[in-house]
Amino acid sequence: MRGLNAVEIVSDYRGDTYRGVYTTRLKGFIYVLHCFQKKSKAGIKTPKRDLELIWKAARRSRTALQSRRREEGVNEHAQKDTG
């Protein structure tokens, strides 16, 4: 996936092709960005609609990680204040 630090897993099952796109860029976490059945029999390109969903999920995962880190930072400070 160009421009996205992600791993794509492709699997064939009973004549159909399935893809899963995972990111490993976000430290300590693996986010599943999108899984889908490849329907086109011609070409290996990922359909535009699926690419849009993958990018949207990548943005959401980054936002979730940032929120999680902020939350953990608040919890660490609270523990130090009470300890």
C-alpha atoms as a PDB file:
ATOM      1  CA  MET A   1       0.000   0.000   0.000  1.00  0.00           C
ATOM      2  CA  ARG A   2       1.724   3.140  -1.179  1.00  0.00           C
ATOM      3  CA  GLY A   3       2.058   5.890   1.401  1.00  0.00           C
ATOM      4  CA  LEU A   4       0.722   3.708   4.188  1.00  0.00           C
ATOM      5  CA  ASN A   5       3.010   1.677   6.415  1.00  0.00           C
ATOM      6  CA  ALA A   6       0.809  -1.402   6.301  1.00  0.00           C
ATOM      7  CA  VAL A   7       0.896  -5.106   5.627  1.00  0.00           C
ATOM      8  CA  GLU A   8      -1.591  -6.662   3.263  1.00  0.00           C
ATOM      9  CA  ILE A   9      -2.484 -10.326   3.631  1.00  0.00           C
ATOM     10  CA  VAL A  10      -4.035 -12.031   0.621  1.00  0.00           C
ATOM     11  CA  SER A  11      -5.731 -15.403   0.918  1.00  0.00           C
ATOM     12  CA  ASP A  12      -7.541 -17.565  -1.595  1.00  0.00           C
ATOM     13  CA  TYR A  13     -10.419 -19.726  -0.430  1.00  0.00           C
ATOM     14  CA  ARG A  14     -12.577 -21.856  -2.690  1.00  0.00           C
ATOM     15  CA  GLY A  15     -11.831 -19.771  -5.748  1.00  0.00           C
ATOM     16  CA  ASP A  16     -12.371 -16.400  -4.044  1.00  0.00           C
ATOM     17  CA  THR A  17      -9.666 -13.975  -2.950  1.00  0.00           C
ATOM     18  CA  TYR A  18      -9.773 -12.156   0.392  1.00  0.00           C
ATOM     19  CA  ARG A  19      -7.555  -9.341   1.625  1.00  0.00           C
ATOM     20  CA  GLY A  20      -6.802  -8.014   5.070  1.00  0.00           C
ATOM     21  CA  VAL A  21      -4.871  -4.787   5.617  1.00  0.00           C
ATOM     22  CA  TYR A  22      -3.079  -4.357   8.944  1.00  0.00           C
ATOM     23  CA  THR A  23      -0.845  -1.579  10.174  1.00  0.00           C
ATOM     24  CA  THR A  24       2.165  -2.064  12.406  1.00  0.00           C
ATOM     25  CA  ARG A  25       3.262   1.553  12.437  1.00  0.00           C
ATOM     26  CA  LEU A  26       1.523   2.366  15.699  1.00  0.00           C
ATOM     27  CA  LYS A  27       3.831   1.179  18.434  1.00  0.00           C
ATOM     28  CA  GLY A  28       2.595  -1.630  20.611  1.00  0.00           C
ATOM     29  CA  PHE A  29      -0.669  -2.061  18.741  1.00  0.00           C
ATOM     30  CA  ILE A  30      -1.812  -3.766  15.577  1.00  0.00           C
ATOM     31  CA  TYR A  31      -4.893  -2.266  14.021  1.00  0.00           C
ATOM     32  CA  VAL A  32      -6.949  -4.152  11.439  1.00  0.00           C
ATOM     33  CA  LEU A  33      -7.775  -1.429   8.962  1.00  0.00           C
ATOM     34  CA  HIS A  34      -9.989  -3.306   6.519  1.00  0.00           C
ATOM     35  CA  CYS A  35     -10.825  -6.821   5.310  1.00  0.00           C
ATOM     36  CA  PHE A  36     -12.664  -7.536   2.105  1.00  0.00           C
ATOM     37  CA  GLN A  37     -13.336 -10.027  -0.639  1.00  0.00           C
ATOM     38  CA  LYS A  38     -11.644  -9.149  -3.910  1.00  0.00           C
ATOM     39  CA  LYS A  39     -14.362  -9.404  -6.534  1.00  0.00           C
ATOM     40  CA  SER A  40     -12.604  -8.254  -9.700  1.00  0.00           C
ATOM     41  CA  LYS A  41     -11.123 -11.095 -11.702  1.00  0.00           C
ATOM     42  CA  ALA A  42      -8.951  -8.749 -13.791  1.00  0.00           C
ATOM     43  CA  GLY A  43      -5.989  -6.964 -12.262  1.00  0.00           C
ATOM     44  CA  ILE A  44      -4.589  -6.844  -8.760  1.00  0.00           C
ATOM     45  CA  LYS A  45      -5.443  -3.226  -7.961  1.00  0.00           C
ATOM     46  CA  THR A  46      -7.396  -2.567  -4.794  1.00  0.00           C
ATOM     47  CA  PRO A  47     -10.729  -0.889  -5.652  1.00  0.00           C
ATOM     48  CA  LYS A  48     -10.943   2.852  -4.926  1.00  0.00           C
ATOM     49  CA  ARG A  49     -13.803   2.388  -2.443  1.00  0.00           C
ATOM     50  CA  ASP A  50     -11.732  -0.069  -0.396  1.00  0.00           C
ATOM     51  CA  LEU A  51      -8.686   2.244  -0.499  1.00  0.00           C
ATOM     52  CA  GLU A  52     -10.837   5.075   0.866  1.00  0.00           C
ATOM     53  CA  LEU A  53     -12.064   2.835   3.701  1.00  0.00           C
ATOM     54  CA  ILE A  54      -8.483   1.798   4.505  1.00  0.00           C
ATOM     55  CA  TRP A  55      -7.274   5.412   4.685  1.00  0.00           C
ATOM     56  CA  LYS A  56     -10.258   6.430   6.825  1.00  0.00           C
ATOM     57  CA  ALA A  57      -9.551   3.552   9.226  1.00  0.00           C
ATOM     58  CA  ALA A  58      -5.859   4.524   9.363  1.00  0.00           C
ATOM     59  CA  ARG A  59      -6.791   8.058  10.418  1.00  0.00           C
ATOM     60  CA  ARG A  60      -9.210   6.716  13.063  1.00  0.00           C
ATOM     61  CA  SER A  61      -6.558   4.353  14.447  1.00  0.00           C
ATOM     62  CA  ARG A  62      -4.035   7.200  14.791  1.00  0.00           C
ATOM     63  CA  THR A  63      -6.630   9.314  16.600  1.00  0.00           C
ATOM     64  CA  ALA A  64      -7.495   6.388  18.900  1.00  0.00           C
ATOM     65  CA  LEU A  65      -3.829   5.848  19.730  1.00  0.00           C
ATOM     66  CA  GLN A  66      -3.311   9.541  20.507  1.00  0.00           C
ATOM     67  CA  SER A  67      -6.363   9.520  22.808  1.00  0.00           C
ATOM     68  CA  ARG A  68      -5.122   6.373  24.512  1.00  0.00           C
ATOM     69  CA  ARG A  69      -1.682   7.899  25.131  1.00  0.00           C
ATOM     70  CA  ARG A  70      -3.222  11.087  26.531  1.00  0.00           C
ATOM     71  CA  GLU A  71      -5.448   8.996  28.793  1.00  0.00           C
ATOM     72  CA  GLU A  72      -2.510   6.901  29.994  1.00  0.00           C
ATOM     73  CA  GLY A  73      -0.541  10.073  30.687  1.00  0.00           C
ATOM     74  CA  VAL A  74      -3.388  11.406  32.832  1.00  0.00           C
ATOM     75  CA  ASN A  75      -3.602   8.096  34.708  1.00  0.00           C
ATOM     76  CA  GLU A  76       0.163   8.061  35.352  1.00  0.00           C
ATOM     77  CA  HIS A  77       0.029  11.581  36.804  1.00  0.00           C
ATOM     78  CA  ALA A  78      -2.950  10.696  38.987  1.00  0.00           C
ATOM     79  CA  GLN A  79      -1.110   7.647  40.366  1.00  0.00           C
ATOM     80  CA  LYS A  80       1.978   9.740  41.167  1.00  0.00           C
ATOM     81  CA  ASP A  81      -0.133  12.344  42.983  1.00  0.00           C
ATOM     82  CA  THR A  82      -1.827   9.741  45.197  1.00  0.00           C
ATOM     83  CA  GLY A  83       1.225   7.520  45.714  1.00  0.00           C
END
